[in-house]
Amino acid sequence: MCLRIPGHLFLSLIFLFGNLGCSSNVEDCLAEGSCGPVINVINYDGSFTDNPFDPFWTGEKSPAPVTIELGPQMITNPKWPNPSTQQVLIRAVKNQDELLVMLEWKDDSRDGNFEHSSLYVDRAAIMFPVRSAKEPPSITMGEPGVPVNIWQWKSIGGEKGQPGVQQKARLAYQTVEDLNAEGYSTLTYQSLQNAKGTGLWRDGKWRLIFKRDLINNDPNDVQFRQSVLMAVAVWNGSNRELNGQKGLAGWMLLKFS
């Protein structure tokens, strides 16, 4: 029997119990109350820019942003009851070859390893089940035998100023880390790094583009043939956030049309 959970209780329950899914069709999670908001993936006929502030993202053909609330990480120690980033905007778009997911969040400072330690830097990650199954993996980075694919971006290295904007914007060209996990303390760096990302900090906010081919031959990667579940995390370096100290949103539906 599938449980129907009111929306305002869903995130709290997922922190306590992991997941509540019970259907083989991932989109059924909406009716069952086992996943959160819908992020509609817009179809686009053309190529994409790597610039998160390109006019495409506010044009007529751009995906509308969905506001996602980030909650505390209260599952494992050190627990983090009050993350400094509590909201993120998400957009998603695809063409025939690639999927792009953009995250946008407010941040008064751009924290990286430019002048100090690289330990506490701004970070963000999105997470997908590797395989579509009757029940999604635990939100605690998967579980034994049920892996997740994590794309993690860090604001470190490979940066240069944007022409004409002086110090108000910095473009981070570094590659996103393409990772797997089957539970806490099992994070593994993939031998094939297929996910990429570009982050730009401007006027007190980050915009970050994750992108990857829709389909590839890597068995450790999620494959985007249909709608998938996705989770999101954001770390604020200036708030000394690291590892489990983060803002977190549990499984939501990345919906393909």
C-alpha atoms as a PDB file:
ATOM      1  CA  MET A   1       0.000   0.000   0.000  1.00  0.00           C
ATOM      2  CA  CYS A   2       1.393   3.416  -1.013  1.00  0.00           C
ATOM      3  CA  LEU A   3       1.361   6.251   1.504  1.00  0.00           C
ATOM      4  CA  ARG A   4      -0.015   9.677   0.591  1.00  0.00           C
ATOM      5  CA  ILE A   5       1.990  12.332   2.401  1.00  0.00           C
ATOM      6  CA  PRO A   6       0.944  16.027   2.564  1.00  0.00           C
ATOM      7  CA  GLY A   7       3.539  18.239   0.874  1.00  0.00           C
ATOM      8  CA  HIS A   8       4.512  20.167   4.007  1.00  0.00           C
ATOM      9  CA  LEU A   9       5.355  16.896   5.823  1.00  0.00           C
ATOM     10  CA  PHE A  10       7.274  15.233   3.009  1.00  0.00           C
ATOM     11  CA  LEU A  11      10.736  16.692   3.612  1.00  0.00           C
ATOM     12  CA  SER A  12      10.590  16.065   7.373  1.00  0.00           C
ATOM     13  CA  LEU A  13       9.605  12.444   6.834  1.00  0.00           C
ATOM     14  CA  ILE A  14      12.284  11.863   4.244  1.00  0.00           C
ATOM     15  CA  PHE A  15      14.908  13.015   6.742  1.00  0.00           C
ATOM     16  CA  LEU A  16      13.612  10.458   9.233  1.00  0.00           C
ATOM     17  CA  PHE A  17      12.789   7.467   7.062  1.00  0.00           C
ATOM     18  CA  GLY A  18      14.803   7.826   3.843  1.00  0.00           C
ATOM     19  CA  ASN A  19      12.230   7.151   1.103  1.00  0.00           C
ATOM     20  CA  LEU A  20       8.620   6.109   0.807  1.00  0.00           C
ATOM     21  CA  GLY A  21       8.393   5.150  -2.873  1.00  0.00           C
ATOM     22  CA  CYS A  22       6.460   2.086  -3.931  1.00  0.00           C
ATOM     23  CA  SER A  23       5.848   2.283  -7.689  1.00  0.00           C
ATOM     24  CA  SER A  24       7.794   1.051 -10.717  1.00  0.00           C
ATOM     25  CA  ASN A  25       6.785   4.200 -12.648  1.00  0.00           C
ATOM     26  CA  VAL A  26       8.899   7.052 -11.320  1.00  0.00           C
ATOM     27  CA  GLU A  27       6.258   9.684 -12.123  1.00  0.00           C
ATOM     28  CA  ASP A  28       3.778   7.882  -9.850  1.00  0.00           C
ATOM     29  CA  CYS A  29       5.761   9.276  -6.929  1.00  0.00           C
ATOM     30  CA  LEU A  30       3.730  12.471  -7.239  1.00  0.00           C
ATOM     31  CA  ALA A  31       0.402  10.769  -6.596  1.00  0.00           C
ATOM     32  CA  GLU A  32       1.953   8.584  -3.898  1.00  0.00           C
ATOM     33  CA  GLY A  33       3.517  11.540  -2.107  1.00  0.00           C
ATOM     34  CA  SER A  34       6.996  10.025  -2.216  1.00  0.00           C
ATOM     35  CA  CYS A  35       8.679  12.834  -4.171  1.00  0.00           C
ATOM     36  CA  GLY A  36       8.564  16.579  -3.979  1.00  0.00           C
ATOM     37  CA  PRO A  37       8.075  19.353  -6.557  1.00  0.00           C
ATOM     38  CA  VAL A  38       8.186  18.878 -10.344  1.00  0.00           C
ATOM     39  CA  ILE A  39      11.001  20.381 -12.411  1.00  0.00           C
ATOM     40  CA  ASN A  40       9.769  20.357 -16.013  1.00  0.00           C
ATOM     41  CA  VAL A  41      12.578  19.780 -18.519  1.00  0.00           C
ATOM     42  CA  ILE A  42      11.980  22.117 -21.463  1.00  0.00           C
ATOM     43  CA  ASN A  43      12.803  20.916 -24.984  1.00  0.00           C
ATOM     44  CA  TYR A  44      15.030  23.259 -26.993  1.00  0.00           C
ATOM     45  CA  ASP A  45      16.060  23.016 -30.645  1.00  0.00           C
ATOM     46  CA  GLY A  46      19.581  24.416 -30.672  1.00  0.00           C
ATOM     47  CA  SER A  47      22.931  24.468 -28.932  1.00  0.00           C
ATOM     48  CA  PHE A  48      23.583  25.767 -25.426  1.00  0.00           C
ATOM     49  CA  THR A  49      25.914  28.390 -23.993  1.00  0.00           C
ATOM     50  CA  ASP A  50      28.137  27.714 -20.970  1.00  0.00           C
ATOM     51  CA  ASN A  51      27.443  31.185 -19.531  1.00  0.00           C
ATOM     52  CA  PRO A  52      24.860  30.965 -16.701  1.00  0.00           C
ATOM     53  CA  PHE A  53      23.944  34.636 -17.197  1.00  0.00           C
ATOM     54  CA  ASP A  54      23.433  34.370 -20.943  1.00  0.00           C
ATOM     55  CA  PRO A  55      20.159  36.045 -22.101  1.00  0.00           C
ATOM     56  CA  PHE A  56      18.892  32.590 -23.079  1.00  0.00           C
ATOM     57  CA  TRP A  57      18.072  31.914 -19.432  1.00  0.00           C
ATOM     58  CA  THR A  58      15.608  34.817 -19.267  1.00  0.00           C
ATOM     59  CA  GLY A  59      14.289  34.667 -22.842  1.00  0.00           C
ATOM     60  CA  GLU A  60      10.946  33.449 -24.151  1.00  0.00           C
ATOM     61  CA  LYS A  61      12.253  29.924 -24.754  1.00  0.00           C
ATOM     62  CA  SER A  62      13.971  29.578 -21.395  1.00  0.00           C
ATOM     63  CA  PRO A  63      12.654  27.237 -18.680  1.00  0.00           C
ATOM     64  CA  ALA A  64      10.799  28.899 -15.836  1.00  0.00           C
ATOM     65  CA  PRO A  65      12.641  28.633 -12.496  1.00  0.00           C
ATOM     66  CA  VAL A  66      11.145  26.478  -9.755  1.00  0.00           C
ATOM     67  CA  THR A  67      11.774  27.573  -6.172  1.00  0.00           C
ATOM     68  CA  ILE A  68      12.994  24.715  -3.973  1.00  0.00           C
ATOM     69  CA  GLU A  69      13.259  25.014  -0.198  1.00  0.00           C
ATOM     70  CA  LEU A  70      16.441  23.576   1.328  1.00  0.00           C
ATOM     71  CA  GLY A  71      16.056  21.983   4.729  1.00  0.00           C
ATOM     72  CA  PRO A  72      18.470  21.005   7.502  1.00  0.00           C
ATOM     73  CA  GLN A  73      20.584  17.872   7.436  1.00  0.00           C
ATOM     74  CA  MET A  74      19.414  16.065  10.571  1.00  0.00           C
ATOM     75  CA  ILE A  75      20.123  12.446   9.596  1.00  0.00           C
ATOM     76  CA  THR A  76      23.745  11.941  10.555  1.00  0.00           C
ATOM     77  CA  ASN A  77      26.364  13.683  12.689  1.00  0.00           C
ATOM     78  CA  PRO A  78      27.440  16.406  12.523  1.00  0.00           C
ATOM     79  CA  LYS A  79      23.829  17.485  12.125  1.00  0.00           C
ATOM     80  CA  TRP A  80      23.202  20.898  10.594  1.00  0.00           C
ATOM     81  CA  PRO A  81      19.905  22.378  11.816  1.00  0.00           C
ATOM     82  CA  ASN A  82      20.281  25.845  10.276  1.00  0.00           C
ATOM     83  CA  PRO A  83      21.937  25.908   6.839  1.00  0.00           C
ATOM     84  CA  SER A  84      22.634  29.423   5.598  1.00  0.00           C
ATOM     85  CA  THR A  85      21.289  28.641   2.104  1.00  0.00           C
ATOM     86  CA  GLN A  86      17.622  27.803   2.465  1.00  0.00           C
ATOM     87  CA  GLN A  87      16.328  28.290  -1.059  1.00  0.00           C
ATOM     88  CA  VAL A  88      17.510  27.487  -4.580  1.00  0.00           C
ATOM     89  CA  LEU A  89      15.959  28.155  -7.987  1.00  0.00           C
ATOM     90  CA  ILE A  90      16.133  25.287 -10.479  1.00  0.00           C
ATOM     91  CA  ARG A  91      15.739  25.337 -14.264  1.00  0.00           C
ATOM     92  CA  ALA A  92      16.148  22.380 -16.641  1.00  0.00           C
ATOM     93  CA  VAL A  93      16.361  22.170 -20.430  1.00  0.00           C
ATOM     94  CA  LYS A  94      17.459  19.615 -23.002  1.00  0.00           C
ATOM     95  CA  ASN A  95      18.082  19.330 -26.721  1.00  0.00           C
ATOM     96  CA  GLN A  96      18.599  16.156 -28.747  1.00  0.00           C
ATOM     97  CA  ASP A  97      21.958  15.494 -27.131  1.00  0.00           C
ATOM     98  CA  GLU A  98      22.373  17.183 -23.754  1.00  0.00           C
ATOM     99  CA  LEU A  99      20.610  17.913 -20.478  1.00  0.00           C
ATOM    100  CA  LEU A 100      21.301  21.150 -18.591  1.00  0.00           C
ATOM    101  CA  VAL A 101      20.248  21.787 -14.995  1.00  0.00           C
ATOM    102  CA  MET A 102      20.783  25.280 -13.604  1.00  0.00           C
ATOM    103  CA  LEU A 103      20.893  26.111  -9.902  1.00  0.00           C
ATOM    104  CA  GLU A 104      20.669  29.694  -8.637  1.00  0.00           C
ATOM    105  CA  TRP A 105      20.996  30.821  -5.028  1.00  0.00           C
ATOM    106  CA  LYS A 106      21.799  33.923  -3.008  1.00  0.00           C
ATOM    107  CA  ASP A 107      25.243  34.176  -1.461  1.00  0.00           C
ATOM    108  CA  ASP A 108      26.758  37.421  -0.193  1.00  0.00           C
ATOM    109  CA  SER A 109      30.327  36.180  -0.605  1.00  0.00           C
ATOM    110  CA  ARG A 110      32.152  34.103  -3.187  1.00  0.00           C
ATOM    111  CA  ASP A 111      34.130  31.525  -1.212  1.00  0.00           C
ATOM    112  CA  GLY A 112      36.930  29.603  -2.894  1.00  0.00           C
ATOM    113  CA  ASN A 113      40.600  28.779  -2.409  1.00  0.00           C
ATOM    114  CA  PHE A 114      41.791  32.005  -3.965  1.00  0.00           C
ATOM    115  CA  GLU A 115      43.385  33.523  -0.877  1.00  0.00           C
ATOM    116  CA  HIS A 116      42.763  30.984   1.883  1.00  0.00           C
ATOM    117  CA  SER A 117      42.064  27.328   2.571  1.00  0.00           C
ATOM    118  CA  SER A 118      40.233  25.288  -0.054  1.00  0.00           C
ATOM    119  CA  LEU A 119      38.428  23.345   2.680  1.00  0.00           C
ATOM    120  CA  TYR A 120      35.508  25.715   3.182  1.00  0.00           C
ATOM    121  CA  VAL A 121      34.401  26.704  -0.295  1.00  0.00           C
ATOM    122  CA  ASP A 122      31.034  27.221  -1.940  1.00  0.00           C
ATOM    123  CA  ARG A 123      29.722  23.934  -3.320  1.00  0.00           C
ATOM    124  CA  ALA A 124      26.593  22.459  -4.854  1.00  0.00           C
ATOM    125  CA  ALA A 125      25.559  18.988  -5.955  1.00  0.00           C
ATOM    126  CA  ILE A 126      22.705  17.179  -7.609  1.00  0.00           C
ATOM    127  CA  MET A 127      22.046  13.476  -7.109  1.00  0.00           C
ATOM    128  CA  PHE A 128      20.192  10.845  -9.160  1.00  0.00           C
ATOM    129  CA  PRO A 129      19.423   7.144  -8.698  1.00  0.00           C
ATOM    130  CA  VAL A 130      21.650   5.213 -11.110  1.00  0.00           C
ATOM    131  CA  ARG A 131      18.819   2.825 -11.936  1.00  0.00           C
ATOM    132  CA  SER A 132      15.081   3.365 -12.079  1.00  0.00           C
ATOM    133  CA  ALA A 133      13.484   0.963  -9.624  1.00  0.00           C
ATOM    134  CA  LYS A 134      10.320   0.316  -7.657  1.00  0.00           C
ATOM    135  CA  GLU A 135      11.703   2.311  -4.739  1.00  0.00           C
ATOM    136  CA  PRO A 136      14.278   5.137  -4.931  1.00  0.00           C
ATOM    137  CA  PRO A 137      17.524   4.880  -2.970  1.00  0.00           C
ATOM    138  CA  SER A 138      17.747   6.340   0.486  1.00  0.00           C
ATOM    139  CA  ILE A 139      18.301  10.087   0.423  1.00  0.00           C
ATOM    140  CA  THR A 140      21.416   9.400   2.526  1.00  0.00           C
ATOM    141  CA  MET A 141      23.532   9.085  -0.655  1.00  0.00           C
ATOM    142  CA  GLY A 142      22.035   5.737  -1.633  1.00  0.00           C
ATOM    143  CA  GLU A 143      22.434   2.420   0.151  1.00  0.00           C
ATOM    144  CA  PRO A 144      24.374  -0.840  -0.341  1.00  0.00           C
ATOM    145  CA  GLY A 145      23.532  -2.288  -3.738  1.00  0.00           C
ATOM    146  CA  VAL A 146      21.416   0.762  -4.666  1.00  0.00           C
ATOM    147  CA  PRO A 147      23.872   3.381  -5.987  1.00  0.00           C
ATOM    148  CA  VAL A 148      23.379   7.040  -6.747  1.00  0.00           C
ATOM    149  CA  ASN A 149      25.166   9.258  -9.266  1.00  0.00           C
ATOM    150  CA  ILE A 150      26.290  12.597  -7.803  1.00  0.00           C
ATOM    151  CA  TRP A 151      27.534  15.634  -9.736  1.00  0.00           C
ATOM    152  CA  GLN A 152      29.415  17.926  -7.343  1.00  0.00           C
ATOM    153  CA  TRP A 153      30.704  21.396  -8.161  1.00  0.00           C
ATOM    154  CA  LYS A 154      33.174  23.383  -6.064  1.00  0.00           C
ATOM    155  CA  SER A 155      34.167  27.025  -6.375  1.00  0.00           C
ATOM    156  CA  ILE A 156      37.876  26.318  -6.667  1.00  0.00           C
ATOM    157  CA  GLY A 157      40.494  26.871  -9.344  1.00  0.00           C
ATOM    158  CA  GLY A 158      40.342  27.730 -13.010  1.00  0.00           C
ATOM    159  CA  GLU A 159      38.705  31.127 -12.607  1.00  0.00           C
ATOM    160  CA  LYS A 160      39.083  34.372 -14.504  1.00  0.00           C
ATOM    161  CA  GLY A 161      37.260  37.663 -14.604  1.00  0.00           C
ATOM    162  CA  GLN A 162      34.545  38.338 -17.148  1.00  0.00           C
ATOM    163  CA  PRO A 163      35.307  41.223 -19.564  1.00  0.00           C
ATOM    164  CA  GLY A 164      33.514  44.428 -18.622  1.00  0.00           C
ATOM    165  CA  VAL A 165      32.308  43.317 -15.207  1.00  0.00           C
ATOM    166  CA  GLN A 166      35.567  43.738 -13.265  1.00  0.00           C
ATOM    167  CA  GLN A 167      35.319  42.047  -9.864  1.00  0.00           C
ATOM    168  CA  LYS A 168      31.519  41.739  -9.800  1.00  0.00           C
ATOM    169  CA  ALA A 169      31.564  38.378 -11.563  1.00  0.00           C
ATOM    170  CA  ARG A 170      33.918  35.453 -11.749  1.00  0.00           C
ATOM    171  CA  LEU A 171      33.439  32.514 -14.058  1.00  0.00           C
ATOM    172  CA  ALA A 172      34.459  29.111 -12.708  1.00  0.00           C
ATOM    173  CA  TYR A 173      35.461  26.810 -15.555  1.00  0.00           C
ATOM    174  CA  GLN A 174      36.385  23.768 -13.533  1.00  0.00           C
ATOM    175  CA  THR A 175      34.868  20.382 -14.322  1.00  0.00           C
ATOM    176  CA  VAL A 176      32.196  18.985 -12.042  1.00  0.00           C
ATOM    177  CA  GLU A 177      33.144  15.818 -10.168  1.00  0.00           C
ATOM    178  CA  ASP A 178      31.202  12.795 -11.427  1.00  0.00           C
ATOM    179  CA  LEU A 179      30.742  10.533  -8.386  1.00  0.00           C
ATOM    180  CA  ASN A 180      28.966   7.434  -7.092  1.00  0.00           C
ATOM    181  CA  ALA A 181      27.882   6.434  -3.612  1.00  0.00           C
ATOM    182  CA  GLU A 182      26.031   3.619  -1.870  1.00  0.00           C
ATOM    183  CA  GLY A 183      25.511   5.314   1.485  1.00  0.00           C
ATOM    184  CA  TYR A 184      27.451   7.682   3.721  1.00  0.00           C
ATOM    185  CA  SER A 185      31.268   7.452   3.617  1.00  0.00           C
ATOM    186  CA  THR A 186      31.196   5.560   0.289  1.00  0.00           C
ATOM    187  CA  LEU A 187      31.721   8.467  -2.115  1.00  0.00           C
ATOM    188  CA  THR A 188      33.756   7.277  -5.112  1.00  0.00           C
ATOM    189  CA  TYR A 189      35.342   9.286  -7.922  1.00  0.00           C
ATOM    190  CA  GLN A 190      34.446   7.796 -11.302  1.00  0.00           C
ATOM    191  CA  SER A 191      37.191   6.816 -13.728  1.00  0.00           C
ATOM    192  CA  LEU A 192      35.078   8.331 -16.531  1.00  0.00           C
ATOM    193  CA  GLN A 193      34.185  11.960 -15.840  1.00  0.00           C
ATOM    194  CA  ASN A 194      31.186  12.736 -18.024  1.00  0.00           C
ATOM    195  CA  ALA A 195      29.398  15.548 -16.154  1.00  0.00           C
ATOM    196  CA  LYS A 196      30.534  19.161 -16.561  1.00  0.00           C
ATOM    197  CA  GLY A 197      29.666  22.457 -14.971  1.00  0.00           C
ATOM    198  CA  THR A 198      30.151  26.209 -15.056  1.00  0.00           C
ATOM    199  CA  GLY A 199      29.483  28.540 -12.133  1.00  0.00           C
ATOM    200  CA  LEU A 200      29.268  32.324 -12.156  1.00  0.00           C
ATOM    201  CA  TRP A 201      28.976  34.560  -9.076  1.00  0.00           C
ATOM    202  CA  ARG A 202      27.515  37.986  -9.723  1.00  0.00           C
ATOM    203  CA  ASP A 203      25.864  40.631  -7.531  1.00  0.00           C
ATOM    204  CA  GLY A 204      25.407  38.393  -4.522  1.00  0.00           C
ATOM    205  CA  LYS A 205      24.232  35.203  -6.144  1.00  0.00           C
ATOM    206  CA  TRP A 206      25.552  32.077  -7.805  1.00  0.00           C
ATOM    207  CA  ARG A 207      24.288  30.642 -11.051  1.00  0.00           C
ATOM    208  CA  LEU A 208      25.572  27.184 -11.841  1.00  0.00           C
ATOM    209  CA  ILE A 209      25.023  25.044 -14.927  1.00  0.00           C
ATOM    210  CA  PHE A 210      25.388  21.266 -14.748  1.00  0.00           C
ATOM    211  CA  LYS A 211      25.379  19.482 -18.106  1.00  0.00           C
ATOM    212  CA  ARG A 212      25.851  16.014 -19.553  1.00  0.00           C
ATOM    213  CA  ASP A 213      24.891  13.932 -22.560  1.00  0.00           C
ATOM    214  CA  LEU A 214      21.434  12.447 -22.208  1.00  0.00           C
ATOM    215  CA  ILE A 215      22.682   8.913 -22.873  1.00  0.00           C
ATOM    216  CA  ASN A 216      26.146   7.373 -22.603  1.00  0.00           C
ATOM    217  CA  ASN A 217      27.731   3.958 -22.186  1.00  0.00           C
ATOM    218  CA  ASP A 218      28.866   4.371 -18.575  1.00  0.00           C
ATOM    219  CA  PRO A 219      27.035   1.866 -16.315  1.00  0.00           C
ATOM    220  CA  ASN A 220      27.832   4.064 -13.290  1.00  0.00           C
ATOM    221  CA  ASP A 221      25.884   7.015 -14.713  1.00  0.00           C
ATOM    222  CA  VAL A 222      22.201   7.835 -14.661  1.00  0.00           C
ATOM    223  CA  GLN A 223      20.674   7.664 -18.155  1.00  0.00           C
ATOM    224  CA  PHE A 224      18.129  10.293 -19.183  1.00  0.00           C
ATOM    225  CA  ARG A 225      15.682   8.320 -21.303  1.00  0.00           C
ATOM    226  CA  GLN A 226      12.678   9.379 -19.223  1.00  0.00           C
ATOM    227  CA  SER A 227      11.770  11.295 -16.092  1.00  0.00           C
ATOM    228  CA  VAL A 228      14.125  10.776 -13.136  1.00  0.00           C
ATOM    229  CA  LEU A 229      14.328  11.640  -9.462  1.00  0.00           C
ATOM    230  CA  MET A 230      16.803  14.295  -8.360  1.00  0.00           C
ATOM    231  CA  ALA A 231      18.009  15.670  -5.023  1.00  0.00           C
ATOM    232  CA  VAL A 232      19.963  18.889  -4.381  1.00  0.00           C
ATOM    233  CA  ALA A 233      22.474  20.135  -1.810  1.00  0.00           C
ATOM    234  CA  VAL A 234      24.235  23.499  -1.350  1.00  0.00           C
ATOM    235  CA  TRP A 235      27.174  24.382   0.921  1.00  0.00           C
ATOM    236  CA  ASN A 236      28.184  27.921   1.958  1.00  0.00           C
ATOM    237  CA  GLY A 237      31.926  28.136   2.536  1.00  0.00           C
ATOM    238  CA  SER A 238      31.757  31.339   4.589  1.00  0.00           C
ATOM    239  CA  ASN A 239      29.428  29.514   7.010  1.00  0.00           C
ATOM    240  CA  ARG A 240      32.059  26.751   7.353  1.00  0.00           C
ATOM    241  CA  GLU A 241      29.789  24.176   5.731  1.00  0.00           C
ATOM    242  CA  LEU A 242      31.346  20.898   4.645  1.00  0.00           C
ATOM    243  CA  ASN A 243      30.269  17.292   4.048  1.00  0.00           C
ATOM    244  CA  GLY A 244      26.979  16.759   5.927  1.00  0.00           C
ATOM    245  CA  GLN A 245      26.812  20.433   6.928  1.00  0.00           C
ATOM    246  CA  LYS A 246      24.630  21.703   4.085  1.00  0.00           C
ATOM    247  CA  GLY A 247      21.186  22.716   2.899  1.00  0.00           C
ATOM    248  CA  LEU A 248      19.344  19.726   1.430  1.00  0.00           C
ATOM    249  CA  ALA A 249      16.252  19.037  -0.673  1.00  0.00           C
ATOM    250  CA  GLY A 250      15.081  15.429  -0.994  1.00  0.00           C
ATOM    251  CA  TRP A 251      13.785  13.597  -4.051  1.00  0.00           C
ATOM    252  CA  MET A 252      11.966  15.780  -6.571  1.00  0.00           C
ATOM    253  CA  LEU A 253      10.821  14.843 -10.072  1.00  0.00           C
ATOM    254  CA  LEU A 254      12.862  15.964 -13.076  1.00  0.00           C
ATOM    255  CA  LYS A 255      10.041  15.520 -15.584  1.00  0.00           C
ATOM    256  CA  PHE A 256      10.707  14.848 -19.272  1.00  0.00           C
ATOM    257  CA  SER A 257       7.959  15.588 -21.771  1.00  0.00           C
END
